[in-house]
Amino acid sequence: MAKAKTQYVCQDCGHTTPRWAGQCSGCKEWNTLVEEAVPSTVKAPVMRGSRSVGGDGGSGSAPRMSGAYGSTRPQRLRDVTVAERHRLPTGLAEFDRVLGGGAMVGSLTLVAGDPGIGKSTLMTELGRGLDGHSLLYVTGEESAQQVKLRAQRMGIDPDGLFLFPETNVEAILAAAYDLQPDVMVVDSIQTVYRPDLTSAPGSVAQVRESTAALLDVTKTLPTTTFLIGHVTKQGSIAGPRVLEHMVDTVLHFEGDRHHAYRILRAVKNRFGAANELGVFEMREGGLKEVGNPSALFLSERQFGTSGSAVVCALEGTRPLMVEVQALVTGASYGTPQRTATGFDSKRLQLLLAVLEKREGLRFSQTDVFLNVAGGVRLEEPAVDLGVALAVASSLKDVPLDSGTAIVGELGLGGEVRAVSRIETRLAEVRQLGFERAMIPKANAKGLKAPKGLEVLPVRRLAEALDLVC
């Protein structure tokens, strides 16, 4: 018997090599090459638009729409007709916000998150709001009885919710063409497989080809499909990087399993704004939407404590006000610690260097701890000034003004740079009852501040320190 041919496939980028190596020559990552059998060049036929996928078509098959991805031949741009596409409300206002106003019909969305964060609960919630629409829930990790128990606990029992415990992609496609649901959920993409491939479920080849097959049925019917994806211990989506390129929308479901609040963040969206954010609260009966997350994140704020600053970040189209807490103490060991939760630790080191070089504040013998309250992760540079002032406040042990919100990007020269959509941020600041807002001086020109809000424009970090510390 001839020896089966194998190859080594990178689990991050999909690069193949005939021999094992410690480092992938494609993406330069270490220890990502896994041995897989070389797939046969003869593949089983996939009859798109038929009830019997991968075999002889049966009666009752749904005809394939001509040109699921476009015309069968090249067309001039002016000759391309654009059909009106509508959105499907999910019944979850926060979920619709992140998607850009609802789920687009004919779209493929990937929902990724840590184990136990509530991805399956979020997808089950769709059955509550999709009245009059059918939902096919394909479960590859749980039995139908387990999903039924979760739905009962959440009080969900609609007639249009169909459960299908299956991992074979061909059977899933056949069920989709037979039922033709308005919404389809696949839980999860790492568990499904194509039988014509010899690699194991979850491998690069299986994830790529399974996603391609599900993408085809999504565009052909059309339906709205959600794929649940796993993440690695580094926080990236498990599987090949091409998975994120194939789907229309990528959503990250974030949060601490030890806290009740969950954040749904869009990192890619072909039908709406990227970096949009939705907030949910995990309860025994399911997920509850949080309509005003700024007030929620500031509800437990302590007054008169040094190292606390309130910043206004912009997540997509939504202004979000959160508390930044800093703690500066004497170093217990030889090397000072720099620990940040909800903020980039490298960015924190950069801001500490600016404080040392430009303002003469010394951190060489101190530990610096930074925390963003509420489990939010801040990535926007507009929170730099607030972080720097919180650290300086803790070092001097002088509380900041509790009625002042801080907005501004900090440059390496100690200058405070302008930020985008300043009027939207100030409207949120005033709505939550703040009396003053510190903003970059470049944003103050021609600014129409809300009534009752005092604006404190600053050009440099030294001016900000003099005003609040």
Protein backbone atom coordinates (compact mmCIF):
# COMPACT_ATOMS: atom_id res chain seq x y z
CA MET A 1 0.00 0.00 0.00
CA ALA A 2 1.36 3.41 -0.95
CA LYS A 3 2.29 5.67 1.91
CA ALA A 4 -0.14 8.53 2.43
CA LYS A 5 1.29 11.92 1.58
CA THR A 6 1.35 14.52 4.32
CA GLN A 7 2.17 18.20 4.59
CA TYR A 8 2.57 20.70 7.40
CA VAL A 9 0.01 23.50 7.55
CA CYS A 10 0.31 26.68 9.63
CA GLN A 11 -2.73 27.02 11.90
CA ASP A 12 -2.49 30.82 11.79
CA CYS A 13 -2.00 31.73 8.13
CA GLY A 14 -2.56 28.45 6.25
CA HIS A 15 0.95 28.33 4.73
CA THR A 16 1.98 24.80 3.73
CA THR A 17 5.42 23.20 3.71
CA PRO A 18 6.56 19.60 3.06
CA ARG A 19 8.72 19.53 6.20
CA TRP A 20 8.23 20.60 9.78
CA ALA A 21 9.91 23.78 10.97
CA GLY A 22 9.79 25.60 14.27
CA GLN A 23 8.84 28.88 12.63
CA CYS A 24 6.31 29.37 9.84
CA SER A 25 7.97 31.01 6.84
CA GLY A 26 4.68 32.67 5.91
CA CYS A 27 3.61 34.54 9.06
CA LYS A 28 6.80 34.08 11.14
CA GLU A 29 4.88 32.59 14.06
CA TRP A 30 6.46 29.80 16.12
CA ASN A 31 5.12 26.26 16.70
CA THR A 32 2.06 26.67 14.47
CA LEU A 33 2.80 23.95 11.89
CA VAL A 34 0.61 20.84 12.17
CA GLU A 35 0.91 17.71 10.05
CA GLU A 36 -2.09 17.01 7.82
CA ALA A 37 -2.79 14.56 5.02
CA VAL A 38 -2.58 15.98 1.51
CA PRO A 39 -6.15 16.19 0.21
CA SER A 40 -7.05 14.21 -2.85
CA THR A 41 -7.20 16.11 -6.14
CA VAL A 42 -10.55 14.44 -6.90
CA LYS A 43 -13.26 16.00 -4.77
CA ALA A 44 -16.84 14.95 -4.31
CA PRO A 45 -19.24 17.16 -6.26
CA VAL A 46 -21.19 19.72 -4.31
CA MET A 47 -24.58 20.27 -5.95
CA ARG A 48 -25.43 23.81 -4.95
CA GLY A 49 -29.08 24.56 -4.77
CA SER A 50 -30.04 20.90 -4.27
CA ARG A 51 -31.43 19.12 -1.26
CA SER A 52 -28.82 16.40 -1.70
CA VAL A 53 -25.43 18.10 -1.40
CA GLY A 54 -22.53 15.98 -2.50
CA GLY A 55 -24.77 13.31 -4.05
CA ASP A 56 -27.54 12.93 -6.60
CA GLY A 57 -30.16 15.65 -6.21
CA GLY A 58 -33.56 14.78 -4.91
CA SER A 59 -37.04 16.14 -5.44
CA GLY A 60 -38.04 19.41 -3.86
CA SER A 61 -34.64 20.97 -4.42
CA ALA A 62 -34.37 24.74 -4.35
CA PRO A 63 -33.10 26.15 -7.66
CA ARG A 64 -29.79 27.95 -7.52
CA MET A 65 -30.14 31.68 -8.09
CA SER A 66 -28.27 32.70 -11.20
CA GLY A 67 -25.29 34.76 -10.22
CA ALA A 68 -25.18 34.37 -6.45
CA TYR A 69 -21.98 36.40 -6.46
CA GLY A 70 -22.81 38.38 -9.62
CA SER A 71 -23.12 37.77 -13.34
CA THR A 72 -21.76 34.69 -15.11
CA ARG A 73 -19.65 36.93 -17.36
CA PRO A 74 -17.86 40.26 -16.91
CA GLN A 75 -20.08 43.34 -16.99
CA ARG A 76 -19.55 47.04 -17.30
CA LEU A 77 -20.07 48.88 -14.04
CA ARG A 78 -22.95 50.89 -15.48
CA ASP A 79 -24.73 47.67 -16.51
CA VAL A 80 -24.69 46.13 -13.03
CA THR A 81 -28.12 46.20 -11.39
CA VAL A 82 -28.31 46.58 -7.64
CA ALA A 83 -31.21 44.88 -5.93
CA GLU A 84 -32.61 46.51 -2.82
CA ARG A 85 -31.31 44.70 0.26
CA HIS A 86 -33.18 44.99 3.51
CA ARG A 87 -32.19 44.42 7.11
CA LEU A 88 -33.81 42.02 9.50
CA PRO A 89 -34.42 43.39 13.03
CA THR A 90 -33.21 40.89 15.62
CA GLY A 91 -35.26 42.22 18.52
CA LEU A 92 -32.05 43.23 20.35
CA ALA A 93 -31.46 46.97 19.93
CA GLU A 94 -27.83 46.74 21.06
CA PHE A 95 -27.16 43.87 18.66
CA ASP A 96 -28.80 45.76 15.80
CA ARG A 97 -26.67 48.82 16.61
CA VAL A 98 -23.44 46.82 16.33
CA LEU A 99 -24.58 45.26 13.03
CA GLY A 100 -25.33 48.70 11.60
CA GLY A 101 -29.12 48.79 12.00
CA GLY A 102 -30.07 45.12 11.86
CA ALA A 103 -28.90 41.87 10.30
CA MET A 104 -28.39 42.26 6.55
CA VAL A 105 -30.17 39.57 4.54
CA GLY A 106 -27.58 37.49 2.70
CA SER A 107 -24.74 38.32 5.11
CA LEU A 108 -22.31 36.00 6.88
CA THR A 109 -21.32 37.08 10.38
CA LEU A 110 -18.66 35.59 12.64
CA VAL A 111 -19.22 35.92 16.41
CA ALA A 112 -16.08 35.08 18.41
CA GLY A 113 -15.33 35.12 22.12
CA ASP A 114 -13.78 33.33 25.07
CA PRO A 115 -15.25 30.02 26.28
CA GLY A 116 -18.26 30.54 28.53
CA ILE A 117 -18.60 34.24 27.74
CA GLY A 118 -22.17 33.81 26.41
CA LYS A 119 -21.91 33.40 22.63
CA SER A 120 -24.48 30.60 22.50
CA THR A 121 -26.74 32.53 24.85
CA LEU A 122 -26.57 35.56 22.57
CA MET A 123 -27.46 33.46 19.52
CA THR A 124 -30.32 31.78 21.37
CA GLU A 125 -31.67 35.25 22.20
CA LEU A 126 -32.32 35.71 18.48
CA GLY A 127 -35.21 33.28 18.80
CA ARG A 128 -36.96 35.74 21.10
CA GLY A 129 -37.05 38.69 18.72
CA LEU A 130 -37.43 36.99 15.34
CA ASP A 131 -41.21 36.73 15.47
CA GLY A 132 -42.60 35.60 12.15
CA HIS A 133 -39.17 34.47 10.90
CA SER A 134 -37.62 31.01 10.94
CA LEU A 135 -34.32 30.28 12.68
CA LEU A 136 -32.23 27.17 12.04
CA TYR A 137 -29.88 26.56 14.97
CA VAL A 138 -27.15 24.07 14.00
CA THR A 139 -25.48 22.83 17.15
CA GLY A 140 -22.25 20.89 16.84
CA GLU A 141 -21.14 21.21 20.46
CA GLU A 142 -24.39 20.58 22.32
CA SER A 143 -27.29 18.20 21.99
CA ALA A 144 -30.77 19.39 21.10
CA GLN A 145 -31.83 18.72 24.71
CA GLN A 146 -29.11 21.04 26.06
CA VAL A 147 -30.18 23.86 23.76
CA LYS A 148 -33.81 23.22 24.74
CA LEU A 149 -32.97 23.55 28.44
CA ARG A 150 -31.14 26.83 27.84
CA ALA A 151 -34.06 28.19 25.80
CA GLN A 152 -36.52 27.21 28.53
CA ARG A 153 -34.41 28.94 31.16
CA MET A 154 -34.46 32.07 29.00
CA GLY A 155 -38.19 31.82 28.35
CA ILE A 156 -37.79 31.26 24.61
CA ASP A 157 -40.06 28.78 22.80
CA PRO A 158 -41.03 30.14 19.38
CA ASP A 159 -42.57 27.99 16.64
CA GLY A 160 -39.99 29.21 14.13
CA LEU A 161 -36.90 27.90 15.98
CA PHE A 162 -35.54 24.65 14.51
CA LEU A 163 -32.71 22.70 16.17
CA PHE A 164 -30.34 20.57 14.12
CA PRO A 165 -27.52 18.74 15.99
CA GLU A 166 -25.09 18.07 13.12
CA THR A 167 -21.43 18.61 12.20
CA ASN A 168 -21.41 17.34 8.60
CA VAL A 169 -21.40 20.36 6.30
CA GLU A 170 -23.17 18.47 3.51
CA ALA A 171 -26.04 17.59 5.84
CA ILE A 172 -26.18 21.20 7.07
CA LEU A 173 -26.38 22.52 3.51
CA ALA A 174 -29.10 20.02 2.63
CA ALA A 175 -31.14 21.10 5.68
CA ALA A 176 -30.65 24.78 4.79
CA TYR A 177 -31.83 24.30 1.20
CA ASP A 178 -34.77 22.20 2.42
CA LEU A 179 -35.94 24.53 5.19
CA GLN A 180 -34.73 27.83 3.64
CA PRO A 181 -34.63 29.65 7.01
CA ASP A 182 -34.52 33.41 7.39
CA VAL A 183 -31.65 33.08 9.90
CA MET A 184 -29.14 30.28 10.40
CA VAL A 185 -26.73 29.85 13.33
CA VAL A 186 -23.79 27.42 13.20
CA ASP A 187 -22.35 26.64 16.64
CA SER A 188 -19.46 26.40 16.03
CA ILE A 189 -17.43 26.65 12.83
CA GLN A 190 -14.53 24.77 14.46
CA THR A 191 -16.68 21.65 14.95
CA VAL A 192 -18.13 21.21 11.46
CA TYR A 193 -16.33 19.31 8.72
CA ARG A 194 -16.51 18.32 5.08
CA PRO A 195 -16.28 14.52 4.64
CA ASP A 196 -14.37 14.84 1.36
CA LEU A 197 -11.41 16.31 3.28
CA THR A 198 -9.17 14.02 5.31
CA SER A 199 -8.06 16.61 7.87
CA ALA A 200 -9.66 16.83 11.31
CA PRO A 201 -12.45 19.30 12.22
CA GLY A 202 -11.02 22.63 13.27
CA SER A 203 -7.98 22.39 10.99
CA VAL A 204 -7.14 25.14 8.53
CA ALA A 205 -8.47 23.23 5.53
CA GLN A 206 -11.73 22.21 7.22
CA VAL A 207 -12.49 25.69 8.58
CA ARG A 208 -11.70 27.33 5.24
CA GLU A 209 -13.70 24.93 3.07
CA SER A 210 -16.63 24.68 5.50
CA THR A 211 -16.89 28.47 5.65
CA ALA A 212 -16.78 28.67 1.86
CA ALA A 213 -19.68 26.20 1.59
CA LEU A 214 -21.74 28.10 4.18
CA LEU A 215 -20.95 31.38 2.46
CA ASP A 216 -22.27 29.96 -0.79
CA VAL A 217 -25.60 28.87 0.69
CA THR A 218 -25.91 32.23 2.50
CA LYS A 219 -25.62 34.19 -0.74
CA THR A 220 -27.68 31.73 -2.78
CA LEU A 221 -30.88 31.40 -0.74
CA PRO A 222 -30.31 34.19 0.56
CA THR A 223 -30.34 33.86 4.33
CA THR A 224 -28.66 35.55 7.29
CA THR A 225 -25.99 33.30 8.77
CA PHE A 226 -24.12 33.60 12.06
CA LEU A 227 -21.02 31.51 12.74
CA ILE A 228 -19.81 31.08 16.30
CA GLY A 229 -16.02 30.95 16.49
CA HIS A 230 -13.50 30.04 19.16
CA VAL A 231 -10.57 32.21 20.21
CA THR A 232 -7.03 31.24 21.20
CA LYS A 233 -5.43 31.99 24.55
CA GLN A 234 -3.87 35.08 22.94
CA GLY A 235 -7.38 36.38 22.15
CA SER A 236 -7.26 35.93 18.36
CA ILE A 237 -9.86 33.95 16.42
CA ALA A 238 -8.93 30.27 16.12
CA GLY A 239 -8.37 28.97 12.62
CA PRO A 240 -6.88 30.51 9.49
CA ARG A 241 -6.70 34.26 9.10
CA VAL A 242 -8.59 33.93 5.83
CA LEU A 243 -11.72 33.11 7.88
CA GLU A 244 -12.03 36.77 8.89
CA HIS A 245 -11.65 37.86 5.25
CA MET A 246 -14.34 35.50 3.97
CA VAL A 247 -17.14 36.71 6.26
CA ASP A 248 -18.96 40.03 5.95
CA THR A 249 -18.89 40.95 9.64
CA VAL A 250 -16.65 39.99 12.55
CA LEU A 251 -18.00 40.52 16.07
CA HIS A 252 -16.03 40.00 19.29
CA PHE A 253 -17.99 39.15 22.44
CA GLU A 254 -15.86 40.33 25.35
CA GLY A 255 -16.08 40.51 29.12
CA ASP A 256 -15.02 38.91 32.36
CA ARG A 257 -16.84 35.71 33.25
CA HIS A 258 -16.68 36.79 36.90
CA HIS A 259 -18.62 39.99 36.12
CA ALA A 260 -22.10 40.39 34.70
CA TYR A 261 -21.38 42.81 31.86
CA ARG A 262 -20.58 41.75 28.30
CA ILE A 263 -19.43 43.91 25.41
CA LEU A 264 -20.15 43.11 21.77
CA ARG A 265 -17.66 44.87 19.51
CA ALA A 266 -17.60 44.99 15.70
CA VAL A 267 -14.06 44.78 14.33
CA LYS A 268 -15.16 44.38 10.70
CA ASN A 269 -18.47 45.29 9.09
CA ARG A 270 -19.16 45.59 5.36
CA PHE A 271 -22.65 46.95 6.04
CA GLY A 272 -22.02 49.41 8.87
CA ALA A 273 -19.49 51.20 11.03
CA ALA A 274 -16.58 49.20 12.39
CA ASN A 275 -15.66 49.43 16.09
CA GLU A 276 -19.32 49.84 17.03
CA LEU A 277 -20.08 48.66 20.53
CA GLY A 278 -23.04 47.14 22.36
CA VAL A 279 -23.33 46.41 26.08
CA PHE A 280 -25.27 43.55 27.70
CA GLU A 281 -25.78 42.31 31.21
CA MET A 282 -25.71 38.56 31.82
CA ARG A 283 -28.57 37.39 34.00
CA GLU A 284 -30.06 34.05 34.91
CA GLY A 285 -32.77 34.52 32.30
CA GLY A 286 -30.34 35.49 29.54
CA LEU A 287 -28.77 38.68 28.28
CA LYS A 288 -30.32 42.06 29.04
CA GLU A 289 -29.47 45.13 26.99
CA VAL A 290 -27.84 48.12 28.66
CA GLY A 291 -29.20 51.26 27.02
CA ASN A 292 -26.98 53.80 28.81
CA PRO A 293 -23.62 52.14 29.47
CA SER A 294 -21.89 55.40 30.42
CA ALA A 295 -24.14 55.88 33.45
CA LEU A 296 -23.65 52.21 34.33
CA PHE A 297 -19.85 52.35 34.24
CA LEU A 298 -19.78 55.51 36.38
CA SER A 299 -22.39 54.36 38.91
CA GLU A 300 -19.81 53.02 41.41
CA ARG A 301 -17.28 55.82 41.05
CA GLN A 302 -15.65 57.01 44.29
CA PHE A 303 -15.22 60.75 44.87
CA GLY A 304 -12.21 62.36 46.48
CA THR A 305 -9.83 59.51 45.61
CA SER A 306 -6.54 60.18 43.90
CA GLY A 307 -5.74 58.39 40.65
CA SER A 308 -9.30 58.49 39.27
CA ALA A 309 -10.18 60.25 36.01
CA VAL A 310 -13.27 60.16 33.79
CA VAL A 311 -12.61 59.99 30.04
CA CYS A 312 -14.93 60.07 27.05
CA ALA A 313 -14.02 57.53 24.36
CA LEU A 314 -15.75 57.04 21.03
CA GLU A 315 -16.70 53.47 20.16
CA GLY A 316 -17.99 53.52 16.59
CA THR A 317 -20.78 56.10 16.64
CA ARG A 318 -21.38 55.92 20.40
CA PRO A 319 -19.60 58.14 22.98
CA LEU A 320 -18.72 56.12 26.06
CA MET A 321 -17.69 57.60 29.39
CA VAL A 322 -15.70 55.38 31.71
CA GLU A 323 -13.53 55.76 34.80
CA VAL A 324 -9.78 55.23 34.54
CA GLN A 325 -8.09 54.24 37.82
CA ALA A 326 -4.36 54.48 38.44
CA LEU A 327 -2.32 53.34 41.43
CA VAL A 328 1.32 54.37 41.82
CA THR A 329 3.21 52.81 44.74
CA GLY A 330 6.80 52.22 45.72
CA ALA A 331 8.44 49.32 43.90
CA SER A 332 8.64 46.20 46.08
CA TYR A 333 11.23 44.51 43.90
CA GLY A 334 14.20 45.61 41.84
CA THR A 335 12.26 45.99 38.57
CA PRO A 336 9.20 48.29 38.72
CA GLN A 337 5.95 46.73 37.50
CA ARG A 338 3.75 48.17 34.76
CA THR A 339 0.33 46.49 34.75
CA ALA A 340 -2.67 47.65 32.70
CA THR A 341 -6.17 46.15 32.54
CA GLY A 342 -8.36 47.36 29.69
CA PHE A 343 -5.57 49.49 28.22
CA ASP A 344 -2.51 48.78 26.08
CA SER A 345 0.47 48.26 28.40
CA LYS A 346 2.91 49.55 25.77
CA ARG A 347 0.86 52.70 25.40
CA LEU A 348 0.98 53.11 29.18
CA GLN A 349 4.79 52.92 29.13
CA LEU A 350 4.85 55.57 26.41
CA LEU A 351 2.70 57.93 28.49
CA LEU A 352 4.92 57.35 31.54
CA ALA A 353 7.95 58.28 29.44
CA VAL A 354 6.25 61.53 28.38
CA LEU A 355 5.44 62.37 32.01
CA GLU A 356 9.04 61.74 33.02
CA LYS A 357 10.73 63.55 30.15
CA ARG A 358 8.42 66.55 29.75
CA GLU A 359 7.10 67.10 33.28
CA GLY A 360 9.86 65.69 35.48
CA LEU A 361 7.68 63.10 37.22
CA ARG A 362 9.75 60.05 38.24
CA PHE A 363 8.47 56.49 37.99
CA SER A 364 11.77 54.59 38.02
CA GLN A 365 11.26 53.44 41.62
CA THR A 366 7.49 52.96 41.53
CA ASP A 367 5.02 50.32 40.42
CA VAL A 368 2.24 51.62 38.16
CA PHE A 369 -1.11 49.83 37.94
CA LEU A 370 -3.88 50.99 35.59
CA ASN A 371 -7.46 49.73 35.42
CA VAL A 372 -10.43 50.68 33.24
CA ALA A 373 -13.53 50.20 35.38
CA GLY A 374 -16.41 48.10 34.09
CA GLY A 375 -14.40 45.65 31.99
CA VAL A 376 -14.17 48.00 29.01
CA ARG A 377 -11.08 47.98 26.80
CA LEU A 378 -9.99 51.44 25.61
CA GLU A 379 -7.97 51.62 22.40
CA GLU A 380 -8.67 55.17 21.22
CA PRO A 381 -5.82 57.72 21.59
CA ALA A 382 -8.36 60.30 22.81
CA VAL A 383 -8.10 58.81 26.33
CA ASP A 384 -4.33 59.45 26.60
CA LEU A 385 -4.68 62.72 28.51
CA GLY A 386 -7.05 61.18 31.05
CA VAL A 387 -4.71 58.24 31.64
CA ALA A 388 -1.71 60.53 32.10
CA LEU A 389 -3.58 62.77 34.56
CA ALA A 390 -4.82 59.75 36.54
CA VAL A 391 -1.26 58.46 36.90
CA ALA A 392 0.04 61.90 37.92
CA SER A 393 -2.81 62.26 40.42
CA SER A 394 -1.92 58.96 42.08
CA LEU A 395 1.80 59.80 42.17
CA LYS A 396 1.13 63.17 43.87
CA ASP A 397 -1.77 61.73 45.90
CA VAL A 398 -3.93 64.66 44.85
CA PRO A 399 -7.52 63.89 43.72
CA LEU A 400 -8.68 65.23 40.37
CA ASP A 401 -11.79 67.38 40.06
CA SER A 402 -14.69 64.90 40.12
CA GLY A 403 -16.85 67.18 37.97
CA THR A 404 -14.41 67.32 35.05
CA ALA A 405 -14.33 64.91 32.11
CA ILE A 406 -11.08 64.66 30.15
CA VAL A 407 -10.62 64.24 26.40
CA GLY A 408 -7.38 64.52 24.42
CA GLU A 409 -4.59 62.68 22.63
CA LEU A 410 -1.09 63.12 24.01
CA GLY A 411 1.93 63.55 21.72
CA LEU A 412 5.52 62.62 22.51
CA GLY A 413 6.40 66.28 22.92
CA GLY A 414 3.82 66.74 25.67
CA GLU A 415 1.37 68.47 23.34
CA VAL A 416 -2.36 67.77 23.54
CA ARG A 417 -3.66 66.90 20.08
CA ALA A 418 -7.16 67.31 18.67
CA VAL A 419 -9.68 64.46 18.61
CA SER A 420 -12.61 63.68 16.32
CA ARG A 421 -16.30 64.43 16.92
CA ILE A 422 -15.72 66.64 19.93
CA GLU A 423 -19.30 68.00 20.00
CA THR A 424 -20.75 64.48 20.22
CA ARG A 425 -18.47 63.73 23.15
CA LEU A 426 -19.35 66.96 24.96
CA ALA A 427 -23.07 66.28 24.56
CA GLU A 428 -22.57 62.95 26.35
CA VAL A 429 -20.47 64.65 29.05
CA ARG A 430 -23.19 67.19 29.75
CA GLN A 431 -25.98 64.62 29.64
CA LEU A 432 -24.34 62.74 32.53
CA GLY A 433 -24.22 65.86 34.67
CA PHE A 434 -20.56 66.91 34.37
CA GLU A 435 -19.90 70.63 34.76
CA ARG A 436 -16.52 70.89 33.02
CA ALA A 437 -14.71 69.20 30.17
CA MET A 438 -10.99 69.43 29.44
CA ILE A 439 -10.38 69.28 25.70
CA PRO A 440 -7.52 70.02 23.27
CA LYS A 441 -7.21 73.71 22.41
CA ALA A 442 -7.30 72.86 18.71
CA ASN A 443 -10.86 71.57 19.18
CA ALA A 444 -12.04 74.74 20.92
CA LYS A 445 -12.00 76.90 17.79
CA GLY A 446 -15.58 77.42 16.60
CA LEU A 447 -16.88 74.92 19.14
CA LYS A 448 -20.55 74.99 20.14
CA ALA A 449 -20.46 73.63 23.65
CA PRO A 450 -23.65 72.40 25.35
CA LYS A 451 -25.36 74.89 27.63
CA GLY A 452 -24.13 74.70 31.21
CA LEU A 453 -20.84 72.98 30.35
CA GLU A 454 -17.59 74.84 30.99
CA VAL A 455 -14.87 73.99 28.47
CA LEU A 456 -11.21 73.97 29.59
CA PRO A 457 -8.99 74.05 26.46
CA VAL A 458 -5.36 73.03 26.97
CA ARG A 459 -2.45 73.03 24.56
CA ARG A 460 0.15 71.11 26.56
CA LEU A 461 0.25 68.50 29.29
CA ALA A 462 1.74 71.01 31.76
CA GLU A 463 -1.38 73.21 31.46
CA ALA A 464 -3.62 70.23 32.20
CA LEU A 465 -1.59 69.29 35.26
CA ASP A 466 -1.79 72.85 36.61
CA LEU A 467 -5.57 72.90 36.20
CA VAL A 468 -6.48 69.63 37.90
CA CYS A 469 -3.51 68.57 40.06
